[in-house]
Amino acid sequence: MSIGAGIALFVIGAILVFAVNVETDVVNLDMIGYIMMGAGALVFLIGLVFLFRRRQTEVVTRTVDPVEGERVTRNTTSSSGEPPVA
């Protein structure tokens, strides 16, 4: 969701900078557009970092052979920064 929000901020900022030619005494729309473009790029990059961070997974497989001779296999998958889920 943050990737889409970053793109939307960037596009709205670009529209304010390059397509809107309204002169106001109170607000400089070009500056607001540049600020929105910068914020959109930053939100987009942070969204990418979080996306790739969630995709890093670690798989641990353990085979236990108890006294009865049964074979037990346990698979544990966890994303980085989260506790393992069985």
N, C-alpha and C. Protein backbone atom coordinates (compact mmCIF):
# COMPACT_ATOMS: atom_id res chain seq x y z
N MET A 1 0.82 -1.18 0.00
CA MET A 1 0.00 0.00 0.00
C MET A 1 0.87 1.25 0.00
N SER A 2 2.00 1.20 0.66
CA SER A 2 2.84 2.39 0.70
C SER A 2 3.48 2.66 -0.66
N ILE A 3 3.67 1.63 -1.46
CA ILE A 3 4.23 1.84 -2.79
C ILE A 3 3.23 2.63 -3.63
N GLY A 4 1.97 2.26 -3.57
CA GLY A 4 0.94 2.98 -4.31
C GLY A 4 0.77 4.41 -3.80
N ALA A 5 0.86 4.60 -2.50
CA ALA A 5 0.76 5.95 -1.94
C ALA A 5 1.94 6.81 -2.39
N GLY A 6 3.12 6.22 -2.45
CA GLY A 6 4.29 6.96 -2.92
C GLY A 6 4.15 7.38 -4.37
N ILE A 7 3.64 6.47 -5.20
CA ILE A 7 3.43 6.81 -6.61
C ILE A 7 2.37 7.91 -6.74
N ALA A 8 1.30 7.80 -5.96
CA ALA A 8 0.24 8.81 -6.02
C ALA A 8 0.77 10.18 -5.59
N LEU A 9 1.55 10.24 -4.52
CA LEU A 9 2.13 11.52 -4.08
C LEU A 9 3.03 12.11 -5.16
N PHE A 10 3.84 11.26 -5.78
CA PHE A 10 4.74 11.73 -6.81
C PHE A 10 3.98 12.29 -8.01
N VAL A 11 2.94 11.58 -8.43
CA VAL A 11 2.16 12.02 -9.58
C VAL A 11 1.42 13.32 -9.29
N ILE A 12 0.81 13.42 -8.12
CA ILE A 12 0.10 14.66 -7.76
C ILE A 12 1.09 15.82 -7.68
N GLY A 13 2.26 15.57 -7.12
CA GLY A 13 3.28 16.62 -7.06
C GLY A 13 3.74 17.05 -8.44
N ALA A 14 3.92 16.08 -9.35
CA ALA A 14 4.33 16.41 -10.71
C ALA A 14 3.26 17.21 -11.43
N ILE A 15 2.01 16.88 -11.19
CA ILE A 15 0.92 17.65 -11.79
C ILE A 15 0.94 19.09 -11.28
N LEU A 16 1.15 19.25 -9.98
CA LEU A 16 1.21 20.61 -9.42
C LEU A 16 2.38 21.41 -10.00
N VAL A 17 3.52 20.75 -10.21
CA VAL A 17 4.70 21.47 -10.69
C VAL A 17 4.59 21.78 -12.18
N PHE A 18 4.24 20.79 -12.98
CA PHE A 18 4.35 20.95 -14.44
C PHE A 18 3.05 21.29 -15.16
N ALA A 19 1.89 21.02 -14.57
CA ALA A 19 0.64 21.21 -15.30
C ALA A 19 -0.21 22.37 -14.78
N VAL A 20 -0.04 22.74 -13.54
CA VAL A 20 -0.86 23.79 -12.97
C VAL A 20 -0.09 25.10 -13.03
N ASN A 21 -0.66 26.09 -13.69
CA ASN A 21 -0.02 27.40 -13.81
C ASN A 21 -0.89 28.47 -13.17
N VAL A 22 -1.10 28.34 -11.88
CA VAL A 22 -1.90 29.29 -11.13
C VAL A 22 -0.98 30.07 -10.21
N GLU A 23 -1.03 31.38 -10.27
CA GLU A 23 -0.22 32.23 -9.40
C GLU A 23 -1.05 32.64 -8.20
N THR A 24 -0.54 32.36 -7.01
CA THR A 24 -1.21 32.77 -5.78
C THR A 24 -0.20 33.51 -4.90
N ASP A 25 -0.69 34.42 -4.11
CA ASP A 25 0.19 35.15 -3.20
C ASP A 25 0.42 34.40 -1.90
N VAL A 26 -0.49 33.51 -1.56
CA VAL A 26 -0.43 32.82 -0.27
C VAL A 26 0.44 31.58 -0.35
N VAL A 27 0.28 30.78 -1.42
CA VAL A 27 0.92 29.47 -1.50
C VAL A 27 1.68 29.36 -2.81
N ASN A 28 2.88 28.82 -2.74
CA ASN A 28 3.66 28.54 -3.94
C ASN A 28 3.40 27.08 -4.34
N LEU A 29 2.58 26.85 -5.35
CA LEU A 29 2.19 25.50 -5.73
C LEU A 29 3.35 24.70 -6.30
N ASP A 30 4.33 25.39 -6.92
CA ASP A 30 5.50 24.66 -7.42
C ASP A 30 6.28 24.03 -6.26
N MET A 31 6.47 24.78 -5.19
CA MET A 31 7.21 24.25 -4.05
C MET A 31 6.46 23.10 -3.40
N ILE A 32 5.15 23.24 -3.27
CA ILE A 32 4.34 22.14 -2.70
C ILE A 32 4.45 20.91 -3.59
N GLY A 33 4.45 21.11 -4.90
CA GLY A 33 4.59 20.00 -5.83
C GLY A 33 5.93 19.30 -5.68
N TYR A 34 7.01 20.08 -5.57
CA TYR A 34 8.34 19.47 -5.38
C TYR A 34 8.42 18.72 -4.06
N ILE A 35 7.84 19.28 -3.02
CA ILE A 35 7.83 18.60 -1.72
C ILE A 35 7.05 17.29 -1.81
N MET A 36 5.91 17.33 -2.50
CA MET A 36 5.12 16.09 -2.66
C MET A 36 5.86 15.06 -3.50
N MET A 37 6.57 15.50 -4.53
CA MET A 37 7.35 14.56 -5.33
C MET A 37 8.47 13.91 -4.50
N GLY A 38 9.13 14.72 -3.68
CA GLY A 38 10.17 14.16 -2.81
C GLY A 38 9.61 13.20 -1.78
N ALA A 39 8.48 13.56 -1.19
CA ALA A 39 7.84 12.68 -0.20
C ALA A 39 7.37 11.39 -0.87
N GLY A 40 6.84 11.51 -2.09
CA GLY A 40 6.40 10.32 -2.81
C GLY A 40 7.55 9.38 -3.11
N ALA A 41 8.68 9.93 -3.53
CA ALA A 41 9.85 9.09 -3.80
C ALA A 41 10.34 8.42 -2.52
N LEU A 42 10.33 9.15 -1.42
CA LEU A 42 10.77 8.58 -0.14
C LEU A 42 9.83 7.47 0.33
N VAL A 43 8.52 7.70 0.24
CA VAL A 43 7.55 6.67 0.65
C VAL A 43 7.66 5.45 -0.25
N PHE A 44 7.88 5.65 -1.54
CA PHE A 44 8.05 4.54 -2.47
C PHE A 44 9.27 3.70 -2.09
N LEU A 45 10.40 4.35 -1.80
CA LEU A 45 11.61 3.61 -1.43
C LEU A 45 11.44 2.87 -0.10
N ILE A 46 10.80 3.50 0.87
CA ILE A 46 10.56 2.83 2.15
C ILE A 46 9.64 1.62 1.95
N GLY A 47 8.64 1.76 1.09
CA GLY A 47 7.76 0.64 0.78
C GLY A 47 8.51 -0.52 0.14
N LEU A 48 9.46 -0.22 -0.75
CA LEU A 48 10.27 -1.27 -1.36
C LEU A 48 11.14 -1.97 -0.33
N VAL A 49 11.73 -1.20 0.58
CA VAL A 49 12.57 -1.79 1.62
C VAL A 49 11.75 -2.75 2.48
N PHE A 50 10.55 -2.34 2.89
CA PHE A 50 9.71 -3.21 3.70
C PHE A 50 9.24 -4.42 2.92
N LEU A 51 8.99 -4.27 1.62
CA LEU A 51 8.56 -5.38 0.80
C LEU A 51 9.64 -6.45 0.71
N PHE A 52 10.89 -6.03 0.45
CA PHE A 52 11.97 -6.99 0.34
C PHE A 52 12.34 -7.56 1.71
N ARG A 53 12.14 -6.80 2.76
CA ARG A 53 12.45 -7.29 4.11
C ARG A 53 11.49 -8.41 4.50
N ARG A 54 10.23 -8.30 4.12
CA ARG A 54 9.26 -9.34 4.45
C ARG A 54 9.49 -10.60 3.65
N ARG A 55 10.08 -10.49 2.48
CA ARG A 55 10.24 -11.65 1.61
C ARG A 55 11.43 -12.52 2.00
N GLN A 56 12.32 -12.04 2.83
CA GLN A 56 13.43 -12.86 3.25
C GLN A 56 12.94 -13.89 4.26
N THR A 57 13.02 -15.15 3.88
CA THR A 57 12.54 -16.20 4.77
C THR A 57 13.66 -17.15 5.10
N GLU A 58 13.49 -17.81 6.20
CA GLU A 58 14.47 -18.76 6.69
C GLU A 58 13.74 -20.05 6.99
N VAL A 59 14.20 -21.18 6.42
CA VAL A 59 13.55 -22.46 6.62
C VAL A 59 14.50 -23.36 7.39
N VAL A 60 14.00 -23.89 8.50
CA VAL A 60 14.78 -24.79 9.33
C VAL A 60 14.08 -26.14 9.36
N THR A 61 14.80 -27.21 9.00
CA THR A 61 14.23 -28.56 9.01
C THR A 61 15.04 -29.40 9.98
N ARG A 62 14.35 -30.04 10.91
CA ARG A 62 15.01 -30.90 11.89
C ARG A 62 14.37 -32.28 11.84
N THR A 63 15.20 -33.30 11.79
CA THR A 63 14.72 -34.68 11.82
C THR A 63 15.13 -35.28 13.16
N VAL A 64 14.13 -35.76 13.91
CA VAL A 64 14.38 -36.33 15.23
C VAL A 64 14.03 -37.81 15.18
N ASP A 65 14.89 -38.65 15.69
CA ASP A 65 14.65 -40.09 15.73
C ASP A 65 14.57 -40.53 17.20
N PRO A 66 13.36 -40.52 17.79
CA PRO A 66 13.22 -40.90 19.20
C PRO A 66 13.54 -42.38 19.42
N VAL A 67 13.47 -42.79 20.64
CA VAL A 67 13.81 -44.16 21.03
C VAL A 67 12.90 -45.17 20.34
N GLU A 68 11.65 -44.81 20.07
CA GLU A 68 10.71 -45.73 19.44
C GLU A 68 11.05 -45.99 17.98
N GLY A 69 11.93 -45.20 17.39
CA GLY A 69 12.29 -45.40 16.00
C GLY A 69 11.44 -44.62 15.02
N GLU A 70 10.56 -43.77 15.53
CA GLU A 70 9.73 -42.97 14.64
C GLU A 70 10.55 -41.82 14.07
N ARG A 71 10.21 -41.45 12.85
CA ARG A 71 10.89 -40.34 12.23
C ARG A 71 9.97 -39.12 12.25
N VAL A 72 10.44 -38.05 12.86
CA VAL A 72 9.65 -36.83 12.99
C VAL A 72 10.41 -35.71 12.29
N THR A 73 9.72 -35.02 11.40
CA THR A 73 10.33 -33.89 10.70
C THR A 73 9.55 -32.63 11.05
N ARG A 74 10.27 -31.59 11.41
CA ARG A 74 9.65 -30.33 11.79
C ARG A 74 10.17 -29.24 10.85
N ASN A 75 9.24 -28.54 10.19
CA ASN A 75 9.60 -27.43 9.32
C ASN A 75 9.19 -26.13 10.00
N THR A 76 10.11 -25.21 10.10
CA THR A 76 9.85 -23.91 10.70
C THR A 76 10.20 -22.84 9.68
N THR A 77 9.24 -21.95 9.40
CA THR A 77 9.47 -20.85 8.47
C THR A 77 9.25 -19.55 9.20
N SER A 78 10.17 -18.63 9.05
CA SER A 78 10.00 -17.33 9.70
C SER A 78 10.49 -16.25 8.76
N SER A 79 9.83 -15.11 8.82
CA SER A 79 10.31 -13.94 8.11
C SER A 79 11.30 -13.24 9.02
N SER A 80 12.18 -12.45 8.43
CA SER A 80 13.17 -11.77 9.25
C SER A 80 12.50 -10.80 10.19
N GLY A 81 12.91 -10.86 11.45
CA GLY A 81 12.37 -9.97 12.44
C GLY A 81 11.12 -10.48 13.14
N GLU A 82 10.63 -11.65 12.75
CA GLU A 82 9.45 -12.22 13.38
C GLU A 82 9.80 -13.54 14.04
N PRO A 83 9.08 -13.94 15.07
CA PRO A 83 9.37 -15.23 15.69
C PRO A 83 8.98 -16.37 14.76
N PRO A 84 9.63 -17.55 14.88
CA PRO A 84 9.33 -18.67 14.02
C PRO A 84 7.87 -19.15 14.18
N VAL A 85 7.29 -19.58 13.07
CA VAL A 85 5.94 -20.11 13.05
C VAL A 85 6.02 -21.55 12.61
N ALA A 86 5.45 -22.45 13.41
CA ALA A 86 5.52 -23.89 13.08
C ALA A 86 4.43 -24.28 12.13
